[in-house]
Amino acid sequence: MSNMAKKAPAAPPAPRLFSDAPALPARVGRYEIVELLGVGGMAEVFKARSSGPGGFERTVVIKRIHPVSNEDPHFVQMFIAEAKILGMLHHPNVVQAYDFGEADGSLFLVLEYVDGPSLSRAMQILRSTGRPFPVAIAAHFAHEVCRALDYVHNLADSDGQPLGVVHRDVTPSNIVLTSSGSLKLLDFGVARYADAANDPEHQTVKGKVAYLAPEALRGLEIDGRVDLFALGVVLYEMLTLTELFSSSDNLATLHKVLEMEIPAPSRMRPGVPAALDAIVMKALERDPKDRYASAADMARDLGAFVVGSGVRAEQVSELVAGLLAEWARVRSSMSAAEMLVTTPAGLEGAVTTTDLGLRLRMSRLWRFLFRRRDRRPR
């Protein structure tokens, strides 16, 4: 036998996003990995391909628990809870879950691929190019999110029992545009639902501080109205292209959410109609009793405004097409390292008060606020 035996052919290299990108897994389960979309603290997200007989092919998104996070039972349970909720959701404005499984010791979710930028990125593009967000289209997008929230809040199980789902993370990074001009609400990773209402972990404050309603920050009982407050913040930021409550640290942000005088959007952007001002300010009422009672109520007012504005579907599509082209240009100039720190929608971590430092700072602020309130003359 010859010493020059033929070597087995080398396995093809794993696909890469850019030349300086880390190697990717060739597959996750039965799904072929196309590229890495981003890496968060607890999960990684891939663009992937599902194929079948007869040339069937579908582009999907794989959200997989990061190997380090597999050792965290709390995060694993949150991931499973997200999968359960997404498996029950079927709405044109909510991202669809196709599959849930385990491969190589890690759980993964298979999600609908949405081909546009997140609302957060869309606003960044508009800021960088000096263009305003068209008022009527901002209202249209908020109306679409309201429709999604109305569906989510009224979700029932197979026996007709309400599930009491509250998203708790309605932010620009979790609203993604499609090339057709619609949008999808995604990332139910910190959502609360009735089955988990007695779980102490689900009773902790979760979400991004700049979008959390005051009652959530104070650890009080919450319902779907916290999502409407968050949507009010999102709509405000679309109209003004400014951050309403965000500050350099969570303590300052929390103080703004609880105490800051909120100027009407028209004070920041003259030309915002009074009717839209009123919708935004009602959604941002700090007392939930003064806020919209339901997503359907808010959708009704936004729908009337959108119809009255005369916005056309082609105007929405033209805006999204321009944003897609600009985002493609920005992406093409990014290195792999820059792409990985620019995490996609659904990966930005929600701040929770399980962080000890934040809990201590928040408790000091609460003591200050409540002490000052108690000292007011009666």
Protein backbone atom coordinates (compact mmCIF):
# COMPACT_ATOMS: atom_id res chain seq x y z
CA MET A 1 0.00 0.00 0.00
CA SER A 2 1.39 3.38 -0.96
CA ASN A 3 2.49 5.87 1.68
CA MET A 4 0.90 8.51 -0.50
CA ALA A 5 -2.66 7.47 0.37
CA LYS A 6 -5.24 9.99 -0.58
CA LYS A 7 -6.39 12.28 2.20
CA ALA A 8 -10.08 12.66 2.90
CA PRO A 9 -11.37 15.92 1.44
CA ALA A 10 -11.35 18.78 3.95
CA ALA A 11 -14.68 19.97 5.24
CA PRO A 12 -15.76 23.24 3.60
CA PRO A 13 -15.01 26.29 5.74
CA ALA A 14 -17.85 27.72 7.78
CA PRO A 15 -19.43 30.78 6.21
CA ARG A 16 -18.16 34.16 7.33
CA LEU A 17 -19.79 37.57 7.45
CA PHE A 18 -16.60 39.46 6.52
CA SER A 19 -12.96 38.55 6.16
CA ASP A 20 -12.24 39.54 9.76
CA ALA A 21 -15.31 37.82 11.20
CA PRO A 22 -15.09 34.80 13.51
CA ALA A 23 -15.92 31.39 12.07
CA LEU A 24 -19.59 30.48 12.20
CA PRO A 25 -21.26 27.12 12.70
CA ALA A 26 -22.15 25.54 9.36
CA ARG A 27 -25.55 24.50 10.69
CA VAL A 28 -27.80 24.82 13.70
CA GLY A 29 -29.94 21.72 13.72
CA ARG A 30 -31.26 21.26 10.20
CA TYR A 31 -30.78 24.94 9.33
CA GLU A 32 -27.86 26.10 7.19
CA ILE A 33 -26.21 29.24 8.58
CA VAL A 34 -25.79 32.08 6.10
CA GLU A 35 -24.35 34.87 8.23
CA LEU A 36 -24.07 36.18 11.76
CA LEU A 37 -26.45 39.06 12.42
CA GLY A 38 -25.32 39.91 15.93
CA VAL A 39 -24.26 38.79 19.35
CA GLY A 40 -25.83 39.90 22.62
CA GLY A 41 -24.96 39.16 26.21
CA MET A 42 -27.17 36.06 26.34
CA ALA A 43 -27.89 35.06 22.75
CA GLU A 44 -26.59 35.13 19.21
CA VAL A 45 -28.64 35.65 16.07
CA PHE A 46 -27.98 34.18 12.63
CA LYS A 47 -29.52 34.52 9.22
CA ALA A 48 -30.14 30.97 8.06
CA ARG A 49 -31.68 28.91 5.30
CA SER A 50 -34.23 26.13 5.53
CA SER A 51 -34.53 23.85 2.51
CA GLY A 52 -36.62 20.87 1.49
CA PRO A 53 -37.66 18.62 -1.41
CA GLY A 54 -38.37 20.10 -4.81
CA GLY A 55 -36.21 23.17 -4.30
CA PHE A 56 -38.17 24.48 -1.33
CA GLU A 57 -36.22 27.20 0.43
CA ARG A 58 -36.97 29.76 3.14
CA THR A 59 -34.78 32.39 4.78
CA VAL A 60 -35.17 32.43 8.55
CA VAL A 61 -33.56 33.86 11.66
CA ILE A 62 -32.02 31.60 14.29
CA LYS A 63 -31.85 32.99 17.81
CA ARG A 64 -29.65 30.68 19.87
CA ILE A 65 -28.67 30.80 23.53
CA HIS A 66 -25.02 31.72 23.79
CA PRO A 67 -23.01 28.73 25.09
CA VAL A 68 -22.03 30.66 28.24
CA SER A 69 -25.70 31.35 29.03
CA ASN A 70 -26.59 27.64 28.90
CA GLU A 71 -25.35 27.44 32.48
CA ASP A 72 -27.84 30.09 33.63
CA PRO A 73 -31.15 28.32 34.47
CA HIS A 74 -32.94 31.65 34.80
CA PHE A 75 -32.09 32.67 31.22
CA VAL A 76 -32.92 29.21 29.90
CA GLN A 77 -36.38 29.47 31.49
CA MET A 78 -36.86 32.95 30.01
CA PHE A 79 -35.91 31.61 26.59
CA ILE A 80 -38.40 28.74 26.91
CA ALA A 81 -41.11 31.17 28.04
CA GLU A 82 -40.42 33.37 25.00
CA ALA A 83 -40.74 30.34 22.73
CA LYS A 84 -44.09 29.37 24.32
CA ILE A 85 -45.54 32.84 23.82
CA LEU A 86 -44.26 33.20 20.24
CA GLY A 87 -45.66 29.77 19.38
CA MET A 88 -49.17 31.07 20.13
CA LEU A 89 -48.88 34.35 18.20
CA HIS A 90 -50.24 34.66 14.67
CA HIS A 91 -50.62 38.30 13.61
CA PRO A 92 -49.34 40.27 10.59
CA ASN A 93 -47.59 42.78 12.87
CA VAL A 94 -45.92 40.23 15.16
CA VAL A 95 -42.84 38.25 14.15
CA GLN A 96 -43.71 34.60 13.53
CA ALA A 97 -42.00 31.66 15.24
CA TYR A 98 -41.51 28.61 13.00
CA ASP A 99 -39.63 26.17 15.20
CA PHE A 100 -38.02 25.62 18.60
CA GLY A 101 -35.37 23.04 19.30
CA GLU A 102 -32.02 22.05 20.71
CA ALA A 103 -28.75 21.42 18.90
CA ASP A 104 -25.27 20.82 20.31
CA GLY A 105 -26.56 21.45 23.81
CA SER A 106 -28.08 24.89 23.07
CA LEU A 107 -31.73 25.85 22.69
CA PHE A 108 -32.65 27.81 19.60
CA LEU A 109 -35.65 29.61 18.16
CA VAL A 110 -36.43 29.77 14.45
CA LEU A 111 -38.09 33.07 13.59
CA GLU A 112 -39.48 34.86 10.58
CA TYR A 113 -36.83 36.81 8.68
CA VAL A 114 -37.72 40.50 8.42
CA ASP A 115 -35.85 42.24 5.62
CA GLY A 116 -35.81 45.83 6.87
CA PRO A 117 -34.05 47.88 9.56
CA SER A 118 -35.31 48.29 13.08
CA LEU A 119 -37.15 51.49 13.90
CA SER A 120 -34.12 52.46 15.99
CA ARG A 121 -31.83 52.20 12.98
CA ALA A 122 -34.36 53.99 10.79
CA MET A 123 -34.35 56.95 13.17
CA GLN A 124 -30.55 56.93 13.29
CA ILE A 125 -30.45 57.10 9.49
CA LEU A 126 -32.89 60.00 9.40
CA ARG A 127 -30.93 61.90 12.06
CA SER A 128 -27.64 61.35 10.24
CA THR A 129 -29.08 62.59 6.93
CA GLY A 130 -30.89 65.55 8.49
CA ARG A 131 -34.36 64.39 7.46
CA PRO A 132 -37.44 64.43 9.72
CA PHE A 133 -39.69 61.43 10.24
CA PRO A 134 -42.87 62.13 8.23
CA VAL A 135 -45.58 62.87 10.80
CA ALA A 136 -48.34 60.83 9.18
CA ILE A 137 -46.06 57.81 8.66
CA ALA A 138 -44.91 57.95 12.29
CA ALA A 139 -48.57 57.84 13.33
CA HIS A 140 -49.19 54.99 10.88
CA PHE A 141 -46.36 52.94 12.36
CA ALA A 142 -47.62 53.58 15.90
CA HIS A 143 -51.08 52.46 14.78
CA GLU A 144 -49.62 49.20 13.44
CA VAL A 145 -47.86 48.56 16.76
CA CYS A 146 -51.15 49.26 18.56
CA ARG A 147 -52.84 46.60 16.46
CA ALA A 148 -50.12 44.13 17.43
CA LEU A 149 -50.43 45.03 21.13
CA ASP A 150 -54.23 44.74 21.07
CA TYR A 151 -53.83 41.21 19.72
CA VAL A 152 -51.10 40.29 22.23
CA HIS A 153 -52.94 41.72 25.24
CA ASN A 154 -56.11 39.81 24.36
CA LEU A 155 -54.43 36.50 23.60
CA ALA A 156 -56.28 33.50 25.08
CA ASP A 157 -55.38 29.83 25.41
CA SER A 158 -57.17 26.97 23.66
CA ASP A 159 -59.86 27.00 26.36
CA GLY A 160 -60.57 30.68 25.87
CA GLN A 161 -58.85 31.73 29.09
CA PRO A 162 -57.02 35.08 28.81
CA LEU A 163 -53.26 34.72 29.06
CA GLY A 164 -52.63 38.27 30.26
CA VAL A 165 -49.55 38.77 28.07
CA VAL A 166 -47.69 42.07 28.57
CA HIS A 167 -44.74 42.65 26.25
CA ARG A 168 -42.74 44.90 28.65
CA ASP A 169 -40.10 45.81 26.04
CA VAL A 170 -41.78 47.96 23.38
CA THR A 171 -38.81 49.96 22.10
CA PRO A 172 -37.56 51.16 18.70
CA SER A 173 -35.04 48.29 18.59
CA ASN A 174 -37.85 45.73 18.90
CA ILE A 175 -39.94 47.14 16.04
CA VAL A 176 -38.64 46.12 12.62
CA LEU A 177 -39.70 47.43 9.21
CA THR A 178 -40.28 45.28 6.14
CA SER A 179 -39.47 46.19 2.55
CA SER A 180 -43.20 46.20 1.79
CA GLY A 181 -43.75 49.05 4.29
CA SER A 182 -45.28 47.11 7.17
CA LEU A 183 -43.66 46.40 10.51
CA LYS A 184 -43.23 43.59 13.01
CA LEU A 185 -43.11 43.65 16.81
CA LEU A 186 -40.56 41.17 18.13
CA ASP A 187 -38.56 40.03 21.18
CA PHE A 188 -40.89 38.63 23.83
CA GLY A 189 -37.92 37.67 25.98
CA VAL A 190 -39.12 39.60 29.05
CA ALA A 191 -42.86 39.33 28.38
CA ARG A 192 -45.10 38.54 31.35
CA TYR A 193 -48.06 36.21 31.08
CA ALA A 194 -50.68 34.79 33.43
CA ASP A 195 -49.10 31.34 33.85
CA ALA A 196 -46.00 32.98 35.29
CA ALA A 197 -47.75 35.70 37.31
CA ASN A 198 -46.84 34.02 40.60
CA ASP A 199 -43.22 33.43 39.60
CA PRO A 200 -41.10 35.90 41.62
CA GLU A 201 -38.81 36.35 38.62
CA HIS A 202 -41.72 37.60 36.54
CA GLN A 203 -42.66 40.05 39.27
CA THR A 204 -39.31 41.85 39.08
CA VAL A 205 -39.03 45.05 37.08
CA LYS A 206 -37.90 44.27 33.54
CA GLY A 207 -37.41 46.31 30.42
CA LYS A 208 -35.36 49.27 29.26
CA VAL A 209 -35.62 52.07 31.81
CA ALA A 210 -36.21 54.84 29.25
CA TYR A 211 -39.40 53.10 28.06
CA LEU A 212 -40.75 51.75 31.35
CA ALA A 213 -43.96 53.19 32.78
CA PRO A 214 -43.71 54.74 36.27
CA GLU A 215 -45.81 52.01 37.88
CA ALA A 216 -43.43 49.37 36.53
CA LEU A 217 -40.39 51.26 37.84
CA ARG A 218 -42.01 51.46 41.27
CA GLY A 219 -42.66 47.72 41.31
CA LEU A 220 -46.44 48.14 41.33
CA GLU A 221 -48.98 45.88 39.61
CA ILE A 222 -48.83 46.25 35.83
CA ASP A 223 -51.04 45.48 32.86
CA GLY A 224 -51.07 46.23 29.15
CA ARG A 225 -51.04 49.97 29.79
CA VAL A 226 -47.28 49.82 30.46
CA ASP A 227 -46.86 48.86 26.78
CA LEU A 228 -48.95 51.88 25.75
CA PHE A 229 -46.70 54.19 27.79
CA ALA A 230 -43.68 52.67 26.03
CA LEU A 231 -45.36 53.15 22.65
CA GLY A 232 -46.03 56.77 23.59
CA VAL A 233 -42.29 57.20 24.13
CA VAL A 234 -41.54 55.52 20.79
CA LEU A 235 -44.01 57.74 18.93
CA TYR A 236 -42.62 60.85 20.63
CA GLU A 237 -39.11 59.87 19.53
CA MET A 238 -40.22 59.24 15.95
CA LEU A 239 -41.84 62.66 15.75
CA THR A 240 -38.95 64.58 17.31
CA LEU A 241 -35.96 62.33 16.51
CA THR A 242 -34.81 62.98 20.06
CA GLU A 243 -34.61 60.65 23.04
CA LEU A 244 -37.31 61.55 25.52
CA PHE A 245 -35.99 60.11 28.79
CA SER A 246 -32.64 58.48 27.96
CA SER A 247 -29.64 59.79 29.90
CA SER A 248 -26.03 58.79 30.46
CA ASP A 249 -26.96 56.52 33.37
CA ASN A 250 -30.03 54.62 34.53
CA LEU A 251 -30.52 56.69 37.67
CA ALA A 252 -30.85 59.93 35.71
CA THR A 253 -33.14 58.19 33.21
CA LEU A 254 -35.33 56.83 35.99
CA HIS A 255 -35.59 60.27 37.57
CA LYS A 256 -36.73 61.73 34.22
CA VAL A 257 -39.39 59.05 33.74
CA LEU A 258 -40.80 59.72 37.20
CA GLU A 259 -40.39 63.49 37.49
CA MET A 260 -39.52 65.32 34.27
CA GLU A 261 -42.03 67.71 32.76
CA ILE A 262 -42.84 66.21 29.37
CA PRO A 263 -43.09 68.84 26.63
CA ALA A 264 -45.63 68.19 23.89
CA PRO A 265 -44.03 66.94 20.65
CA SER A 266 -45.07 70.17 18.89
CA ARG A 267 -42.82 72.13 21.26
CA MET A 268 -39.87 70.12 19.97
CA ARG A 269 -41.10 70.03 16.38
CA PRO A 270 -43.48 72.80 15.36
CA GLY A 271 -45.95 71.46 12.88
CA VAL A 272 -46.97 68.36 14.78
CA PRO A 273 -50.79 68.62 14.75
CA ALA A 274 -52.63 69.21 18.02
CA ALA A 275 -54.59 65.97 17.55
CA LEU A 276 -51.38 63.92 17.47
CA ASP A 277 -49.96 65.89 20.40
CA ALA A 278 -53.02 64.86 22.40
CA ILE A 279 -52.62 61.16 21.52
CA VAL A 280 -48.95 61.13 22.54
CA MET A 281 -49.52 62.99 25.80
CA LYS A 282 -52.41 60.71 26.79
CA ALA A 283 -50.24 57.64 26.20
CA LEU A 284 -47.55 59.26 28.39
CA GLU A 285 -49.78 59.96 31.37
CA ARG A 286 -47.89 58.84 34.46
CA ASP A 287 -51.03 57.66 36.24
CA PRO A 288 -52.27 54.60 34.32
CA LYS A 289 -55.87 55.57 35.09
CA ASP A 290 -55.38 58.66 32.91
CA ARG A 291 -53.71 56.74 30.11
CA TYR A 292 -55.47 54.89 27.30
CA ALA A 293 -57.38 51.99 28.85
CA SER A 294 -56.44 49.61 26.03
CA ALA A 295 -54.43 49.33 22.84
CA ALA A 296 -57.72 49.25 20.93
CA ASP A 297 -58.61 52.70 22.32
CA MET A 298 -55.25 54.15 21.31
CA ALA A 299 -55.46 52.46 17.90
CA ARG A 300 -58.87 54.05 17.34
CA ASP A 301 -57.51 57.57 17.83
CA LEU A 302 -54.37 56.90 15.80
CA GLY A 303 -56.41 55.31 13.02
CA ALA A 304 -58.65 58.35 12.78
CA PHE A 305 -55.60 60.61 12.58
CA VAL A 306 -53.93 58.48 9.90
CA VAL A 307 -57.07 58.40 7.76
CA GLY A 308 -57.46 62.15 8.13
CA SER A 309 -53.82 62.73 7.14
CA GLY A 310 -54.36 61.04 3.79
CA VAL A 311 -51.10 59.07 3.93
CA ARG A 312 -50.80 56.60 1.06
CA ALA A 313 -49.26 53.13 1.04
CA GLU A 314 -46.77 54.13 -1.65
CA GLN A 315 -45.47 56.95 0.57
CA VAL A 316 -44.71 54.44 3.31
CA SER A 317 -43.04 52.07 0.84
CA GLU A 318 -40.92 54.89 -0.62
CA LEU A 319 -39.69 55.91 2.83
CA VAL A 320 -38.79 52.32 3.76
CA ALA A 321 -37.07 51.76 0.39
CA GLY A 322 -34.88 54.81 1.01
CA LEU A 323 -34.06 53.62 4.52
CA LEU A 324 -33.17 50.15 3.22
CA ALA A 325 -30.83 51.61 0.61
CA GLU A 326 -29.11 53.85 3.15
CA TRP A 327 -28.77 51.01 5.67
CA ALA A 328 -27.25 48.76 2.98
CA ARG A 329 -24.71 51.49 2.22
CA VAL A 330 -23.84 51.85 5.92
CA ARG A 331 -23.51 48.08 6.40
CA SER A 332 -21.21 47.74 3.40
CA SER A 333 -18.72 50.14 4.97
CA MET A 334 -18.69 48.37 8.35
CA SER A 335 -16.06 45.93 9.49
CA ALA A 336 -17.10 42.65 11.09
CA ALA A 337 -16.20 43.99 14.51
CA GLU A 338 -18.44 47.01 13.98
CA MET A 339 -21.26 44.77 12.78
CA LEU A 340 -21.05 42.64 15.89
CA VAL A 341 -21.29 45.58 18.28
CA THR A 342 -24.17 46.99 16.24
CA THR A 343 -26.56 44.36 17.52
CA PRO A 344 -29.75 43.63 15.58
CA ALA A 345 -33.24 44.20 16.86
CA GLY A 346 -34.13 41.77 19.58
CA LEU A 347 -30.64 41.48 21.03
CA GLU A 348 -30.26 44.72 22.96
CA GLY A 349 -30.43 43.63 26.57
CA ALA A 350 -33.29 44.84 28.72
CA VAL A 351 -32.27 46.40 31.99
CA THR A 352 -33.74 44.72 35.04
CA THR A 353 -33.71 45.62 38.68
CA THR A 354 -32.15 42.28 39.43
CA ASP A 355 -28.93 44.21 38.85
CA LEU A 356 -27.89 44.98 42.42
CA GLY A 357 -26.25 48.32 41.69
CA LEU A 358 -29.31 49.61 39.88
CA ARG A 359 -31.61 48.35 42.62
CA LEU A 360 -29.61 50.22 45.25
CA ARG A 361 -29.56 53.43 43.26
CA MET A 362 -33.26 53.15 42.50
CA SER A 363 -34.10 52.49 46.14
CA ARG A 364 -32.24 55.64 47.16
CA LEU A 365 -34.20 57.63 44.61
CA TRP A 366 -37.49 56.09 45.72
CA ARG A 367 -36.72 56.96 49.36
CA PHE A 368 -35.95 60.51 48.29
CA LEU A 369 -39.13 60.84 46.20
CA PHE A 370 -41.46 59.28 48.74
CA ARG A 371 -39.87 61.20 51.64
CA ARG A 372 -40.39 64.45 49.75
CA ARG A 373 -43.95 63.51 48.95
CA ASP A 374 -44.66 62.68 52.60
CA ARG A 375 -43.35 66.09 53.70
CA ARG A 376 -45.79 68.01 51.53
CA PRO A 377 -48.42 69.88 53.56
CA ARG A 378 -51.79 68.21 53.57
